[in-house]
Amino acid sequence: MGQKIKQDWQIGNNIRALRRRAGFTQEEVVAKLQLQGFEISRSSYSQIECGTYNIRVSELVALSKLFQADFNAFFEGLDKEYDTACKSAAIRI
């Protein structure tokens, strides 16, 4: 079984933005992933973009190649969300 990453909401938004920038529909991305041997449906891929599906590292690697994107692009903005969450937690304490 492949290693999975517990997905943050921002990763899904970033994946959606990278897909759109590359000019692909969700169906096209799914078809390309299936040709590479991934068992993924359009519904599952949609859940990745919505942040409700724990993406596998292997899927992230494949998407990086498909979108011709650096791995940092998937995690862009997460440090800001983390900082905001930490500040909110500190205020409640």
C-alpha atoms as a PDB file:
ATOM      1  CA  MET A   1       0.000   0.000   0.000  1.00  0.00           C
ATOM      2  CA  GLY A   2       1.361   3.432  -0.913  1.00  0.00           C
ATOM      3  CA  GLN A   3       2.206   6.074   1.603  1.00  0.00           C
ATOM      4  CA  LYS A   4      -0.456   8.767   1.919  1.00  0.00           C
ATOM      5  CA  ILE A   5      -0.283  12.411   2.896  1.00  0.00           C
ATOM      6  CA  LYS A   6      -3.029  13.776   5.099  1.00  0.00           C
ATOM      7  CA  GLN A   7      -4.169  16.578   2.910  1.00  0.00           C
ATOM      8  CA  ASP A   8      -4.583  20.188   3.909  1.00  0.00           C
ATOM      9  CA  TRP A   9      -7.273  22.215   2.177  1.00  0.00           C
ATOM     10  CA  GLN A  10      -4.692  24.398   0.445  1.00  0.00           C
ATOM     11  CA  ILE A  11      -3.060  21.448  -1.327  1.00  0.00           C
ATOM     12  CA  GLY A  12      -6.328  20.708  -3.127  1.00  0.00           C
ATOM     13  CA  ASN A  13      -6.704  24.334  -4.158  1.00  0.00           C
ATOM     14  CA  ASN A  14      -3.124  24.345  -5.409  1.00  0.00           C
ATOM     15  CA  ILE A  15      -3.663  21.138  -7.388  1.00  0.00           C
ATOM     16  CA  ARG A  16      -6.766  22.650  -8.992  1.00  0.00           C
ATOM     17  CA  ALA A  17      -4.822  25.809  -9.915  1.00  0.00           C
ATOM     18  CA  LEU A  18      -1.947  23.765 -11.375  1.00  0.00           C
ATOM     19  CA  ARG A  19      -4.378  21.650 -13.412  1.00  0.00           C
ATOM     20  CA  ARG A  20      -6.093  24.715 -14.813  1.00  0.00           C
ATOM     21  CA  ARG A  21      -2.762  26.378 -15.576  1.00  0.00           C
ATOM     22  CA  ALA A  22      -1.732  23.244 -17.487  1.00  0.00           C
ATOM     23  CA  GLY A  23      -5.004  23.419 -19.437  1.00  0.00           C
ATOM     24  CA  PHE A  24      -6.394  20.034 -18.381  1.00  0.00           C
ATOM     25  CA  THR A  25      -9.903  19.034 -17.355  1.00  0.00           C
ATOM     26  CA  GLN A  26     -10.351  16.690 -14.411  1.00  0.00           C
ATOM     27  CA  GLU A  27     -11.322  13.934 -16.856  1.00  0.00           C
ATOM     28  CA  GLU A  28      -8.097  14.403 -18.821  1.00  0.00           C
ATOM     29  CA  VAL A  29      -5.978  14.242 -15.661  1.00  0.00           C
ATOM     30  CA  VAL A  30      -7.749  11.075 -14.528  1.00  0.00           C
ATOM     31  CA  ALA A  31      -7.284   9.456 -17.955  1.00  0.00           C
ATOM     32  CA  LYS A  32      -3.557  10.278 -17.929  1.00  0.00           C
ATOM     33  CA  LEU A  33      -3.172   8.903 -14.391  1.00  0.00           C
ATOM     34  CA  GLN A  34      -5.055   5.729 -15.338  1.00  0.00           C
ATOM     35  CA  LEU A  35      -2.717   5.225 -18.316  1.00  0.00           C
ATOM     36  CA  GLN A  36       0.146   5.318 -15.806  1.00  0.00           C
ATOM     37  CA  GLY A  37      -1.503   2.529 -13.794  1.00  0.00           C
ATOM     38  CA  PHE A  38      -3.246   4.538 -11.078  1.00  0.00           C
ATOM     39  CA  GLU A  39      -6.658   3.290 -10.049  1.00  0.00           C
ATOM     40  CA  ILE A  40      -8.456   6.600  -9.700  1.00  0.00           C
ATOM     41  CA  SER A  41     -11.894   7.823 -10.718  1.00  0.00           C
ATOM     42  CA  ARG A  42     -12.951  11.325 -11.586  1.00  0.00           C
ATOM     43  CA  SER A  43     -14.876  11.383  -8.321  1.00  0.00           C
ATOM     44  CA  SER A  44     -11.733  10.529  -6.332  1.00  0.00           C
ATOM     45  CA  TYR A  45      -9.723  13.121  -8.233  1.00  0.00           C
ATOM     46  CA  SER A  46     -12.403  15.710  -7.494  1.00  0.00           C
ATOM     47  CA  GLN A  47     -12.041  14.844  -3.809  1.00  0.00           C
ATOM     48  CA  ILE A  48      -8.294  15.505  -4.092  1.00  0.00           C
ATOM     49  CA  GLU A  49      -9.005  19.020  -5.352  1.00  0.00           C
ATOM     50  CA  CYS A  50     -11.599  19.532  -2.607  1.00  0.00           C
ATOM     51  CA  GLY A  51      -9.154  18.427   0.081  1.00  0.00           C
ATOM     52  CA  THR A  52     -11.250  15.469   1.252  1.00  0.00           C
ATOM     53  CA  TYR A  53      -9.068  12.673  -0.163  1.00  0.00           C
ATOM     54  CA  ASN A  54      -5.699  11.692   1.291  1.00  0.00           C
ATOM     55  CA  ILE A  55      -3.463  11.834  -1.746  1.00  0.00           C
ATOM     56  CA  ARG A  56      -0.743   9.218  -2.144  1.00  0.00           C
ATOM     57  CA  VAL A  57       2.835  10.353  -2.529  1.00  0.00           C
ATOM     58  CA  SER A  58       3.017   8.449  -5.825  1.00  0.00           C
ATOM     59  CA  GLU A  59      -0.021  10.383  -7.097  1.00  0.00           C
ATOM     60  CA  LEU A  60       1.613  13.646  -6.078  1.00  0.00           C
ATOM     61  CA  VAL A  61       4.770  12.686  -7.976  1.00  0.00           C
ATOM     62  CA  ALA A  62       2.707  11.806 -11.068  1.00  0.00           C
ATOM     63  CA  LEU A  63       0.782  15.091 -10.883  1.00  0.00           C
ATOM     64  CA  SER A  64       4.037  17.004 -10.532  1.00  0.00           C
ATOM     65  CA  LYS A  65       5.278  15.474 -13.777  1.00  0.00           C
ATOM     66  CA  LEU A  66       1.926  15.872 -15.542  1.00  0.00           C
ATOM     67  CA  PHE A  67       1.610  19.539 -14.607  1.00  0.00           C
ATOM     68  CA  GLN A  68       5.362  20.145 -15.031  1.00  0.00           C
ATOM     69  CA  ALA A  69       5.337  21.712 -11.581  1.00  0.00           C
ATOM     70  CA  ASP A  70       7.844  21.852  -8.777  1.00  0.00           C
ATOM     71  CA  PHE A  71       6.741  20.115  -5.579  1.00  0.00           C
ATOM     72  CA  ASN A  72       6.792  23.448  -3.752  1.00  0.00           C
ATOM     73  CA  ALA A  73       3.842  24.562  -5.884  1.00  0.00           C
ATOM     74  CA  PHE A  74       1.634  21.952  -4.191  1.00  0.00           C
ATOM     75  CA  PHE A  75       2.434  23.344  -0.739  1.00  0.00           C
ATOM     76  CA  GLU A  76       2.355  27.048  -1.551  1.00  0.00           C
ATOM     77  CA  GLY A  77       0.498  29.040   1.097  1.00  0.00           C
ATOM     78  CA  LEU A  78       0.498  26.310   3.738  1.00  0.00           C
ATOM     79  CA  ASP A  79       2.991  28.156   5.919  1.00  0.00           C
ATOM     80  CA  LYS A  80       0.583  31.090   6.142  1.00  0.00           C
ATOM     81  CA  GLU A  81      -2.287  28.786   7.147  1.00  0.00           C
ATOM     82  CA  TYR A  82      -0.056  27.153   9.770  1.00  0.00           C
ATOM     83  CA  ASP A  83       0.992  30.506  11.212  1.00  0.00           C
ATOM     84  CA  THR A  84      -2.639  31.654  11.395  1.00  0.00           C
ATOM     85  CA  ALA A  85      -3.725  28.413  13.079  1.00  0.00           C
ATOM     86  CA  CYS A  86      -0.915  28.696  15.654  1.00  0.00           C
ATOM     87  CA  LYS A  87      -1.798  32.296  16.439  1.00  0.00           C
ATOM     88  CA  SER A  88      -5.477  31.370  16.847  1.00  0.00           C
ATOM     89  CA  ALA A  89      -4.571  28.504  19.183  1.00  0.00           C
ATOM     90  CA  ALA A  90      -2.340  30.773  21.264  1.00  0.00           C
ATOM     91  CA  ILE A  91      -5.157  33.296  21.659  1.00  0.00           C
ATOM     92  CA  ARG A  92      -7.540  30.584  22.957  1.00  0.00           C
ATOM     93  CA  ILE A  93      -5.046  29.345  25.554  1.00  0.00           C
END
